[in-house]
Amino acid sequence: MKRGTLLFVLILLLTIGIVSADEGISFTEINSSTILYPGDLGQYTLLLKNDGAHELKLQIQAEPYVGLPSSDFDYVFVEPSYVELQGHEETEVVVSLKLKENVVRQKRYKTYVTAEALNLEGISTTYDLQVFAMPPQSAISATLSESAERVGPGGDLSIDVHLKNNLAQNLNNVDVYVSSDIFEDQQTIELFKGQEKDLEYVFTIPRSAAPQEYSFNVRLYYQDELSGSVTGSFIVDENLNVSEYTEVASGFLYETRTTTISNNGNSVISDFYDQDPGIFESWFTSYSVEPSYDNDLGQPTWTFTLTP
């Protein structure tokens, strides 16, 4: 009797051991997007499988310290956070995670998710997650905080540029170039780690600048590499300004009239000039430049085109 009892207990223990060995859960990665710019959203898609034969009620959760000041992550969300899986059943789990914007770039950061059975003791698993913080696309951000849209020839164009150092290091000897078809400027500045800085420019537009839209660009070079840029545009207004001046010189039995017509604007102009010397005077009048034609009144008329 005692021998039979011991044998039964031994068989029962072996059976329990076999069942326990078969029970378990596992994560497998399906896909992920984990090379991120800080502040961007990353994602893991995982396959959670019940490796055993028994139904499992599973709770899935992120690392508990995520979101605290000491954590590198703003958050890690798990969906779903609770599932029930029959034996050998599997389901997808989506993990969304976001790095804090102030983390050090070009570094890998780790966290994890866990799955634990609520109805069977001792069944749990952990899956490690990691993301890589990319360096900024531009070492320096450049934006136009203010820029005039229109300006007259001879007027002043104001351009205000806002700069930000996106790197966690000081940038010495940053060359800043501002240029367009009608002006240019160059200076060298320094930007401290994370510093923001405003640059103000005033350019006097040439009086002869053609009335049209112009583009300009701001380029920043650090260690001879383009590290940031921004472009803008402005319009030079048309200025029609034509002046006429006549100088008279008289002598014995003659008079000389010299007429000067000037284009003081910024556009090419086409115009005419006519003269009425009178019938008697016309018999004795000569011109340094022959008239283009006589108008309806018989007056000599000159046509011309003047550039600025």
Protein backbone atom coordinates (compact mmCIF):
# COMPACT_ATOMS: atom_id res chain seq x y z
CA MET A 1 0.00 0.00 0.00
CA LYS A 2 2.73 2.42 0.90
CA ARG A 3 4.64 1.54 -2.26
CA GLY A 4 1.61 2.26 -4.45
CA THR A 5 1.00 5.61 -2.80
CA LEU A 6 4.56 6.74 -3.31
CA LEU A 7 4.46 5.72 -6.95
CA PHE A 8 1.26 7.70 -7.52
CA VAL A 9 2.73 10.82 -5.93
CA LEU A 10 5.88 10.49 -8.02
CA ILE A 11 3.88 10.17 -11.24
CA LEU A 12 1.76 13.20 -10.26
CA LEU A 13 4.85 15.34 -9.59
CA LEU A 14 6.38 14.35 -12.92
CA THR A 15 3.14 15.24 -14.68
CA ILE A 16 3.03 18.67 -13.02
CA GLY A 17 6.65 19.22 -14.00
CA ILE A 18 5.90 18.42 -17.63
CA VAL A 19 2.90 20.78 -17.73
CA SER A 20 4.90 23.59 -16.12
CA ALA A 21 7.69 23.13 -18.61
CA ASP A 22 5.25 23.53 -21.49
CA GLU A 23 3.60 26.67 -20.14
CA GLY A 24 5.05 30.08 -21.08
CA ILE A 25 4.69 33.18 -23.23
CA SER A 26 7.01 34.87 -25.69
CA PHE A 27 7.40 38.09 -27.67
CA THR A 28 8.58 38.21 -31.29
CA GLU A 29 9.22 41.42 -33.19
CA ILE A 30 7.22 41.86 -36.40
CA ASN A 31 8.49 45.33 -37.36
CA SER A 32 9.65 48.58 -35.80
CA SER A 33 10.55 52.20 -36.49
CA THR A 34 13.21 53.05 -33.96
CA ILE A 35 15.63 55.50 -35.60
CA LEU A 36 14.08 58.77 -34.51
CA TYR A 37 14.57 62.46 -34.14
CA PRO A 38 13.92 63.39 -30.50
CA GLY A 39 10.28 64.32 -30.09
CA ASP A 40 9.19 62.01 -32.91
CA LEU A 41 7.01 58.94 -32.36
CA GLY A 42 8.51 55.44 -32.63
CA GLN A 43 6.68 52.15 -32.80
CA TYR A 44 7.18 48.42 -32.24
CA THR A 45 4.76 45.79 -33.50
CA LEU A 46 5.23 42.61 -31.47
CA LEU A 47 3.71 39.14 -31.63
CA LEU A 48 2.73 37.82 -28.20
CA LYS A 49 2.24 34.05 -28.12
CA ASN A 50 0.89 31.65 -25.52
CA ASP A 51 3.40 28.81 -25.82
CA GLY A 52 1.43 26.49 -23.53
CA ALA A 53 -1.86 24.61 -23.63
CA HIS A 54 -3.72 26.49 -20.90
CA GLU A 55 -5.71 29.70 -21.29
CA LEU A 56 -3.78 32.72 -20.02
CA LYS A 57 -5.09 36.08 -18.89
CA LEU A 58 -2.23 38.41 -19.66
CA GLN A 59 -1.44 41.94 -18.50
CA ILE A 60 0.98 43.88 -20.74
CA GLN A 61 2.62 47.05 -19.49
CA ALA A 62 5.54 49.39 -20.06
CA GLU A 63 8.45 50.12 -17.78
CA PRO A 64 6.92 51.82 -14.72
CA TYR A 65 9.48 54.65 -14.58
CA VAL A 66 8.70 56.01 -18.06
CA GLY A 67 7.62 59.66 -17.97
CA LEU A 68 9.47 60.51 -14.76
CA PRO A 69 12.09 63.31 -14.84
CA SER A 70 14.83 60.68 -14.69
CA SER A 71 13.46 58.83 -17.75
CA ASP A 72 14.61 59.47 -21.32
CA PHE A 73 11.10 58.80 -22.63
CA ASP A 74 8.05 61.05 -22.55
CA TYR A 75 5.83 57.99 -22.71
CA VAL A 76 5.51 54.35 -23.80
CA PHE A 77 1.98 53.22 -24.67
CA VAL A 78 0.99 49.54 -25.04
CA GLU A 79 -2.08 48.46 -26.98
CA PRO A 80 -3.74 46.22 -25.89
CA SER A 81 -2.75 46.20 -22.23
CA TYR A 82 -4.81 43.07 -21.44
CA VAL A 83 -5.52 39.95 -23.52
CA GLU A 84 -6.82 36.44 -23.00
CA LEU A 85 -5.07 33.79 -25.07
CA GLN A 86 -6.08 30.19 -25.47
CA GLY A 87 -3.40 27.54 -25.68
CA HIS A 88 -0.92 28.29 -28.48
CA GLU A 89 -2.89 31.37 -29.52
CA GLU A 90 -1.08 34.58 -30.47
CA THR A 91 -1.91 38.27 -30.93
CA GLU A 92 -0.27 41.50 -32.05
CA VAL A 93 0.81 44.12 -29.54
CA VAL A 94 1.62 47.68 -30.66
CA VAL A 95 4.04 49.71 -28.55
CA SER A 96 4.24 53.47 -29.21
CA LEU A 97 7.11 55.37 -27.63
CA LYS A 98 8.41 58.92 -27.68
CA LEU A 99 11.85 60.19 -26.73
CA LYS A 100 12.17 63.44 -24.84
CA GLU A 101 13.27 66.33 -27.04
CA ASN A 102 16.25 67.23 -24.84
CA VAL A 103 18.01 63.85 -24.94
CA VAL A 104 21.58 63.66 -26.19
CA ARG A 105 21.71 62.95 -29.92
CA GLN A 106 23.48 60.07 -31.65
CA LYS A 107 22.83 57.75 -28.74
CA ARG A 108 20.78 54.59 -28.20
CA TYR A 109 18.12 54.51 -25.47
CA LYS A 110 16.51 51.43 -23.93
CA THR A 111 13.29 50.54 -22.14
CA TYR A 112 11.10 47.43 -21.99
CA VAL A 113 7.60 45.98 -21.85
CA THR A 114 6.44 43.01 -19.77
CA ALA A 115 3.64 40.49 -20.13
CA GLU A 116 2.48 38.56 -17.07
CA ALA A 117 -0.18 35.91 -16.55
CA LEU A 118 -2.76 36.87 -13.94
CA ASN A 119 -4.31 33.42 -13.63
CA LEU A 120 -1.17 31.27 -13.47
CA GLU A 121 1.69 32.11 -11.17
CA GLY A 122 5.23 32.36 -12.49
CA ILE A 123 4.44 32.97 -16.16
CA SER A 124 5.87 36.25 -17.48
CA THR A 125 8.27 37.60 -20.07
CA THR A 126 10.09 40.85 -20.82
CA TYR A 127 10.93 42.34 -24.21
CA ASP A 128 13.68 44.95 -24.50
CA LEU A 129 13.00 48.01 -26.65
CA GLN A 130 15.62 50.42 -27.94
CA VAL A 131 15.59 53.53 -30.09
CA PHE A 132 18.36 55.62 -31.61
CA ALA A 133 18.27 59.43 -31.33
CA MET A 134 19.29 60.89 -34.68
CA PRO A 135 21.36 64.07 -34.93
CA PRO A 136 19.33 67.07 -36.13
CA GLN A 137 18.81 67.40 -39.86
CA SER A 138 20.44 70.82 -39.62
CA ALA A 139 22.98 71.77 -37.00
CA ILE A 140 21.52 75.28 -37.04
CA SER A 141 17.90 76.27 -37.60
CA ALA A 142 17.39 79.54 -39.48
CA THR A 143 14.04 81.30 -39.82
CA LEU A 144 12.99 84.74 -40.99
CA SER A 145 11.41 86.56 -38.08
CA GLU A 146 10.81 89.71 -40.15
CA SER A 147 11.36 90.76 -43.73
CA ALA A 148 9.86 93.61 -45.78
CA GLU A 149 7.74 92.45 -48.71
CA ARG A 150 8.13 95.59 -50.84
CA VAL A 151 10.70 98.36 -51.09
CA GLY A 152 11.23 101.29 -53.42
CA PRO A 153 14.46 101.85 -55.35
CA GLY A 154 16.90 103.67 -53.09
CA GLY A 155 14.99 102.50 -50.01
CA ASP A 156 16.20 100.32 -47.14
CA LEU A 157 15.29 96.62 -46.92
CA SER A 158 15.26 95.13 -43.40
CA ILE A 159 15.83 91.40 -42.86
CA ASP A 160 15.75 89.79 -39.41
CA VAL A 161 17.04 86.22 -39.10
CA HIS A 162 16.43 83.99 -36.07
CA LEU A 163 19.06 81.29 -35.44
CA LYS A 164 19.07 78.30 -33.10
CA ASN A 165 21.92 75.93 -32.31
CA ASN A 166 20.40 72.43 -32.46
CA LEU A 167 23.51 70.68 -31.17
CA ALA A 168 24.52 70.02 -27.59
CA GLN A 169 27.86 71.76 -28.14
CA ASN A 170 29.25 75.24 -28.75
CA LEU A 171 29.70 76.23 -32.39
CA ASN A 172 32.63 78.56 -32.98
CA ASN A 173 33.35 80.40 -36.23
CA VAL A 174 29.96 80.00 -37.89
CA ASP A 175 30.06 81.86 -41.22
CA VAL A 176 26.80 83.58 -42.15
CA TYR A 177 26.23 84.65 -45.77
CA VAL A 178 23.26 86.77 -46.90
CA SER A 179 23.01 87.42 -50.63
CA SER A 180 20.76 88.27 -53.55
CA ASP A 181 21.28 89.67 -57.03
CA ILE A 182 21.58 93.22 -55.65
CA PHE A 183 23.24 92.87 -52.23
CA GLU A 184 25.42 90.58 -50.13
CA ASP A 185 26.91 90.38 -46.64
CA GLN A 186 29.15 88.01 -44.68
CA GLN A 187 29.97 87.75 -40.99
CA THR A 188 31.31 85.19 -38.51
CA ILE A 189 29.46 84.46 -35.27
CA GLU A 190 29.53 82.05 -32.33
CA LEU A 191 26.59 80.02 -31.04
CA PHE A 192 26.65 78.40 -27.63
CA LYS A 193 25.01 75.05 -26.89
CA GLY A 194 21.27 75.39 -27.52
CA GLN A 195 21.57 79.17 -27.98
CA GLU A 196 19.06 81.21 -29.98
CA LYS A 197 20.22 84.41 -31.63
CA ASP A 198 18.73 87.17 -33.82
CA LEU A 199 20.66 88.85 -36.62
CA GLU A 200 19.45 92.13 -38.13
CA TYR A 201 20.37 93.31 -41.62
CA VAL A 202 19.58 96.54 -43.49
CA PHE A 203 20.41 96.77 -47.19
CA THR A 204 20.02 99.91 -49.32
CA ILE A 205 18.44 99.00 -52.64
CA PRO A 206 20.18 100.58 -55.67
CA ARG A 207 18.10 103.28 -57.35
CA SER A 208 18.57 101.49 -60.66
CA ALA A 209 17.32 98.11 -59.38
CA ALA A 210 14.77 96.78 -61.86
CA PRO A 211 11.16 96.62 -60.62
CA GLN A 212 10.63 92.91 -60.05
CA GLU A 213 10.61 90.19 -57.41
CA TYR A 214 13.99 89.22 -55.98
CA SER A 215 14.95 86.24 -53.87
CA PHE A 216 17.61 86.16 -51.18
CA ASN A 217 19.12 83.38 -49.11
CA VAL A 218 20.85 83.06 -45.77
CA ARG A 219 23.46 80.29 -45.54
CA LEU A 220 25.32 79.15 -42.43
CA TYR A 221 28.55 77.20 -42.64
CA TYR A 222 30.25 75.43 -39.76
CA GLN A 223 33.59 73.74 -40.38
CA ASP A 224 33.12 74.42 -44.11
CA GLU A 225 29.86 72.44 -44.21
CA LEU A 226 26.43 73.91 -44.89
CA SER A 227 24.73 73.70 -41.48
CA GLY A 228 21.53 75.67 -42.07
CA SER A 229 19.80 77.92 -44.57
CA VAL A 230 16.63 79.91 -45.24
CA THR A 231 15.33 81.81 -48.26
CA GLY A 232 13.02 84.77 -48.70
CA SER A 233 11.85 87.24 -51.32
CA PHE A 234 10.91 90.89 -51.78
CA ILE A 235 9.59 93.16 -54.53
CA VAL A 236 11.24 96.34 -55.77
CA ASP A 237 8.53 98.79 -56.80
CA GLU A 238 8.57 100.62 -60.10
CA ASN A 239 9.66 104.27 -60.07
CA LEU A 240 8.87 106.34 -63.18
CA ASN A 241 10.91 109.52 -62.86
CA VAL A 242 11.83 111.46 -66.01
CA SER A 243 13.35 114.93 -65.84
CA GLU A 244 13.86 117.48 -68.61
CA TYR A 245 16.32 120.39 -68.58
CA THR A 246 16.88 122.98 -71.32
CA GLU A 247 19.95 125.21 -71.45
CA VAL A 248 19.91 128.29 -73.72
CA ALA A 249 23.01 130.01 -75.10
CA SER A 250 22.56 133.19 -77.21
CA GLY A 251 24.95 135.01 -79.52
CA PHE A 252 24.92 137.44 -82.46
CA LEU A 253 22.08 136.35 -84.71
CA TYR A 254 21.88 132.84 -83.22
CA GLU A 255 20.50 130.93 -80.26
CA THR A 256 21.43 127.42 -79.15
CA ARG A 257 19.03 125.32 -77.09
CA THR A 258 20.34 122.13 -75.48
CA THR A 259 17.65 119.89 -74.01
CA THR A 260 18.64 117.01 -71.72
CA ILE A 261 16.08 114.33 -70.82
CA SER A 262 17.09 111.98 -67.96
CA ASN A 263 15.55 108.74 -66.74
CA ASN A 264 15.93 108.93 -62.96
CA GLY A 265 13.72 105.92 -62.30
CA ASN A 266 14.34 102.19 -62.40
CA SER A 267 12.43 101.22 -65.56
CA VAL A 268 13.15 101.53 -69.24
CA ILE A 269 10.92 104.29 -70.65
CA SER A 270 9.80 105.09 -74.19
CA ASP A 271 8.74 108.70 -74.75
CA PHE A 272 8.78 111.55 -77.26
CA TYR A 273 9.86 115.19 -77.39
CA ASP A 274 8.57 117.82 -79.80
CA GLN A 275 9.67 121.36 -80.61
CA ASP A 276 7.79 124.33 -82.09
CA PRO A 277 10.33 126.77 -83.54
CA GLY A 278 7.71 128.75 -85.47
CA ILE A 279 7.42 129.01 -89.24
CA PHE A 280 10.01 131.75 -89.72
CA GLU A 281 12.54 130.29 -87.25
CA SER A 282 12.18 126.83 -88.72
CA TRP A 283 13.75 128.07 -91.94
CA PHE A 284 16.98 128.78 -90.06
CA THR A 285 16.91 125.96 -87.48
CA SER A 286 19.11 122.88 -87.53
CA TYR A 287 19.29 119.96 -85.10
CA SER A 288 22.17 117.91 -83.77
CA VAL A 289 19.89 114.86 -83.94
CA GLU A 290 17.44 114.70 -86.82
CA PRO A 291 13.77 114.47 -85.75
CA SER A 292 12.10 111.11 -85.99
CA TYR A 293 9.13 112.67 -87.75
CA ASP A 294 6.93 115.76 -87.92
CA ASN A 295 3.70 115.54 -85.98
CA ASP A 296 0.25 116.53 -87.21
CA LEU A 297 1.06 120.20 -86.61
CA GLY A 298 4.27 119.95 -88.57
CA GLN A 299 6.40 120.16 -85.45
CA PRO A 300 9.65 118.14 -85.36
CA THR A 301 9.29 115.21 -82.96
CA TRP A 302 11.87 112.88 -81.50
CA THR A 303 11.09 109.44 -80.05
CA PHE A 304 13.49 107.72 -77.71
CA THR A 305 14.00 104.90 -75.23
CA LEU A 306 15.97 105.53 -72.05
CA THR A 307 17.35 102.97 -69.64
CA PRO A 308 17.66 103.87 -65.95
